[in-house]
Amino acid sequence: MDRMGDRASEREALAKSIQLDPNLALPQNQLGLLDLQDGKLADAEAHLKKALSIDPQYAEAQNNLGVLYGQTRAGMETPRPLFRQAVENNPQYGQAFMNLGLILAGQETVRGSR
């Protein structure tokens, strides 16, 4: 739905998934990413933290929370451990490696992923 540009339907489907099973981390992460993209930073943080409370080793949610913190907090010290955790939890997750590398190189442009 996101690729087709139907964000409202995507949000509705994700909310329904959470309603059916509140212990799914993936829809929480997806809603967090949508909120991050829409500039709803408090909502994004809540969804991403919920995803991590469900699955503390969920690399995508760690990466996306790191992206949010990189965009909203002064300095890069806050997102760095999140990117490191994401890399440790999923060594094949290229986006987290890239974001960690950018942070270590002193750049502040980091990206969320699905």
C-alpha atoms as a PDB file:
ATOM      1  CA  MET A   1       0.000   0.000   0.000  1.00  0.00           C
ATOM      2  CA  ASP A   2       2.862   2.348   0.794  1.00  0.00           C
ATOM      3  CA  ARG A   3       4.383   1.812  -2.639  1.00  0.00           C
ATOM      4  CA  MET A   4       1.037   2.666  -4.202  1.00  0.00           C
ATOM      5  CA  GLY A   5       0.873   5.859  -2.150  1.00  0.00           C
ATOM      6  CA  ASP A   6      -2.152   4.796  -0.117  1.00  0.00           C
ATOM      7  CA  ARG A   7      -0.785   5.715   3.286  1.00  0.00           C
ATOM      8  CA  ALA A   8      -4.233   5.964   4.874  1.00  0.00           C
ATOM      9  CA  SER A   9      -5.049   2.378   3.924  1.00  0.00           C
ATOM     10  CA  GLU A  10      -1.632   1.250   5.087  1.00  0.00           C
ATOM     11  CA  ARG A  11      -2.187   2.910   8.464  1.00  0.00           C
ATOM     12  CA  GLU A  12      -5.622   1.305   8.715  1.00  0.00           C
ATOM     13  CA  ALA A  13      -4.245  -2.163   7.912  1.00  0.00           C
ATOM     14  CA  LEU A  14      -1.423  -1.760  10.431  1.00  0.00           C
ATOM     15  CA  ALA A  15      -3.828  -0.568  13.144  1.00  0.00           C
ATOM     16  CA  LYS A  16      -6.059  -3.559  12.438  1.00  0.00           C
ATOM     17  CA  SER A  17      -3.045  -5.888  12.730  1.00  0.00           C
ATOM     18  CA  ILE A  18      -2.218  -4.411  16.127  1.00  0.00           C
ATOM     19  CA  GLN A  19      -5.840  -4.714  17.210  1.00  0.00           C
ATOM     20  CA  LEU A  20      -5.867  -8.402  16.240  1.00  0.00           C
ATOM     21  CA  ASP A  21      -2.525  -9.095  17.926  1.00  0.00           C
ATOM     22  CA  PRO A  22      -1.044  -6.350  20.109  1.00  0.00           C
ATOM     23  CA  ASN A  23       2.181  -8.366  20.471  1.00  0.00           C
ATOM     24  CA  LEU A  24       3.345  -7.879  16.886  1.00  0.00           C
ATOM     25  CA  ALA A  25       6.415  -5.676  16.611  1.00  0.00           C
ATOM     26  CA  LEU A  26       6.349  -5.268  12.820  1.00  0.00           C
ATOM     27  CA  PRO A  27       3.171  -3.154  12.536  1.00  0.00           C
ATOM     28  CA  GLN A  28       4.367  -0.965  15.419  1.00  0.00           C
ATOM     29  CA  ASN A  29       7.636  -0.382  13.552  1.00  0.00           C
ATOM     30  CA  GLN A  30       5.814   0.366  10.309  1.00  0.00           C
ATOM     31  CA  LEU A  31       3.492   2.863  11.989  1.00  0.00           C
ATOM     32  CA  GLY A  32       6.503   4.452  13.647  1.00  0.00           C
ATOM     33  CA  LEU A  33       8.223   4.814  10.300  1.00  0.00           C
ATOM     34  CA  LEU A  34       5.117   6.325   8.709  1.00  0.00           C
ATOM     35  CA  ASP A  35       4.813   8.773  11.606  1.00  0.00           C
ATOM     36  CA  LEU A  36       8.495   9.655  11.290  1.00  0.00           C
ATOM     37  CA  GLN A  37       8.043  10.353   7.585  1.00  0.00           C
ATOM     38  CA  ASP A  38       4.953  12.458   8.337  1.00  0.00           C
ATOM     39  CA  GLY A  39       6.738  14.498  11.001  1.00  0.00           C
ATOM     40  CA  LYS A  40       4.665  13.056  13.868  1.00  0.00           C
ATOM     41  CA  LEU A  41       7.743  12.550  15.991  1.00  0.00           C
ATOM     42  CA  ALA A  42       6.123  11.823  19.361  1.00  0.00           C
ATOM     43  CA  ASP A  43       3.844   9.216  17.784  1.00  0.00           C
ATOM     44  CA  ALA A  44       6.786   7.735  15.891  1.00  0.00           C
ATOM     45  CA  GLU A  45       8.811   7.408  19.071  1.00  0.00           C
ATOM     46  CA  ALA A  46       5.902   5.747  20.891  1.00  0.00           C
ATOM     47  CA  HIS A  47       5.375   3.170  18.130  1.00  0.00           C
ATOM     48  CA  LEU A  48       9.077   2.390  17.775  1.00  0.00           C
ATOM     49  CA  LYS A  49       9.530   2.022  21.537  1.00  0.00           C
ATOM     50  CA  LYS A  50       6.480  -0.255  21.618  1.00  0.00           C
ATOM     51  CA  ALA A  51       8.005  -2.397  18.848  1.00  0.00           C
ATOM     52  CA  LEU A  52      11.199  -2.684  20.899  1.00  0.00           C
ATOM     53  CA  SER A  53       9.290  -3.521  24.067  1.00  0.00           C
ATOM     54  CA  ILE A  54       7.727  -6.417  22.159  1.00  0.00           C
ATOM     55  CA  ASP A  55      11.000  -7.493  20.502  1.00  0.00           C
ATOM     56  CA  PRO A  56      14.080  -5.884  22.095  1.00  0.00           C
ATOM     57  CA  GLN A  57      16.328  -7.251  19.325  1.00  0.00           C
ATOM     58  CA  TYR A  58      14.278  -5.925  16.396  1.00  0.00           C
ATOM     59  CA  ALA A  59      17.023  -4.334  14.303  1.00  0.00           C
ATOM     60  CA  GLU A  60      14.723  -2.326  12.027  1.00  0.00           C
ATOM     61  CA  ALA A  61      12.992  -0.671  14.970  1.00  0.00           C
ATOM     62  CA  GLN A  62      16.376   0.062  16.581  1.00  0.00           C
ATOM     63  CA  ASN A  63      17.562   1.633  13.343  1.00  0.00           C
ATOM     64  CA  ASN A  64      14.391   3.670  12.890  1.00  0.00           C
ATOM     65  CA  LEU A  65      14.484   4.910  16.492  1.00  0.00           C
ATOM     66  CA  GLY A  66      18.120   5.876  15.930  1.00  0.00           C
ATOM     67  CA  VAL A  67      17.062   7.816  12.839  1.00  0.00           C
ATOM     68  CA  LEU A  68      14.364   9.615  14.825  1.00  0.00           C
ATOM     69  CA  TYR A  69      16.818  10.511  17.585  1.00  0.00           C
ATOM     70  CA  GLY A  70      19.373  11.622  15.023  1.00  0.00           C
ATOM     71  CA  GLN A  71      16.831  14.045  13.606  1.00  0.00           C
ATOM     72  CA  THR A  72      15.526  15.360  16.908  1.00  0.00           C
ATOM     73  CA  ARG A  73      18.359  15.377  19.425  1.00  0.00           C
ATOM     74  CA  ALA A  74      21.511  17.444  19.498  1.00  0.00           C
ATOM     75  CA  GLY A  75      24.558  15.389  18.625  1.00  0.00           C
ATOM     76  CA  MET A  76      24.841  11.846  17.444  1.00  0.00           C
ATOM     77  CA  GLU A  77      25.576  10.144  20.773  1.00  0.00           C
ATOM     78  CA  THR A  78      21.944   9.131  21.289  1.00  0.00           C
ATOM     79  CA  PRO A  79      21.414   7.188  18.029  1.00  0.00           C
ATOM     80  CA  ARG A  80      24.888   5.588  17.929  1.00  0.00           C
ATOM     81  CA  PRO A  81      24.122   2.757  20.398  1.00  0.00           C
ATOM     82  CA  LEU A  82      20.844   2.021  18.609  1.00  0.00           C
ATOM     83  CA  PHE A  83      22.630   1.608  15.278  1.00  0.00           C
ATOM     84  CA  ARG A  84      25.281  -0.581  16.953  1.00  0.00           C
ATOM     85  CA  GLN A  85      22.577  -2.773  18.486  1.00  0.00           C
ATOM     86  CA  ALA A  86      20.818  -3.072  15.139  1.00  0.00           C
ATOM     87  CA  VAL A  87      24.070  -4.191  13.478  1.00  0.00           C
ATOM     88  CA  GLU A  88      24.749  -6.691  16.266  1.00  0.00           C
ATOM     89  CA  ASN A  89      21.212  -8.066  16.141  1.00  0.00           C
ATOM     90  CA  ASN A  90      21.129  -8.374  12.351  1.00  0.00           C
ATOM     91  CA  PRO A  91      24.591  -8.412  10.739  1.00  0.00           C
ATOM     92  CA  GLN A  92      22.967  -8.575   7.278  1.00  0.00           C
ATOM     93  CA  TYR A  93      21.030  -5.335   7.798  1.00  0.00           C
ATOM     94  CA  GLY A  94      22.825  -2.931   5.483  1.00  0.00           C
ATOM     95  CA  GLN A  95      20.844   0.197   6.386  1.00  0.00           C
ATOM     96  CA  ALA A  96      21.975   0.004  10.006  1.00  0.00           C
ATOM     97  CA  PHE A  97      25.606  -0.477   8.899  1.00  0.00           C
ATOM     98  CA  MET A  98      25.309   2.558   6.648  1.00  0.00           C
ATOM     99  CA  ASN A  99      23.756   4.704   9.392  1.00  0.00           C
ATOM    100  CA  LEU A 100      26.376   3.585  11.922  1.00  0.00           C
ATOM    101  CA  GLY A 101      29.107   4.405   9.419  1.00  0.00           C
ATOM    102  CA  LEU A 102      27.633   7.858   8.810  1.00  0.00           C
ATOM    103  CA  ILE A 103      27.489   8.518  12.539  1.00  0.00           C
ATOM    104  CA  LEU A 104      31.059   7.321  13.052  1.00  0.00           C
ATOM    105  CA  ALA A 105      32.205   9.467  10.128  1.00  0.00           C
ATOM    106  CA  GLY A 106      30.565  12.483  11.766  1.00  0.00           C
ATOM    107  CA  GLN A 107      27.780  12.966   9.257  1.00  0.00           C
ATOM    108  CA  GLU A 108      24.224  13.543  10.398  1.00  0.00           C
ATOM    109  CA  THR A 109      22.258  12.226   7.418  1.00  0.00           C
ATOM    110  CA  VAL A 110      20.718   8.915   8.457  1.00  0.00           C
ATOM    111  CA  ARG A 111      17.846   7.023   6.900  1.00  0.00           C
ATOM    112  CA  GLY A 112      14.998   4.859   8.105  1.00  0.00           C
ATOM    113  CA  SER A 113      14.081   1.629   6.447  1.00  0.00           C
ATOM    114  CA  ARG A 114      11.432  -1.016   6.372  1.00  0.00           C
END
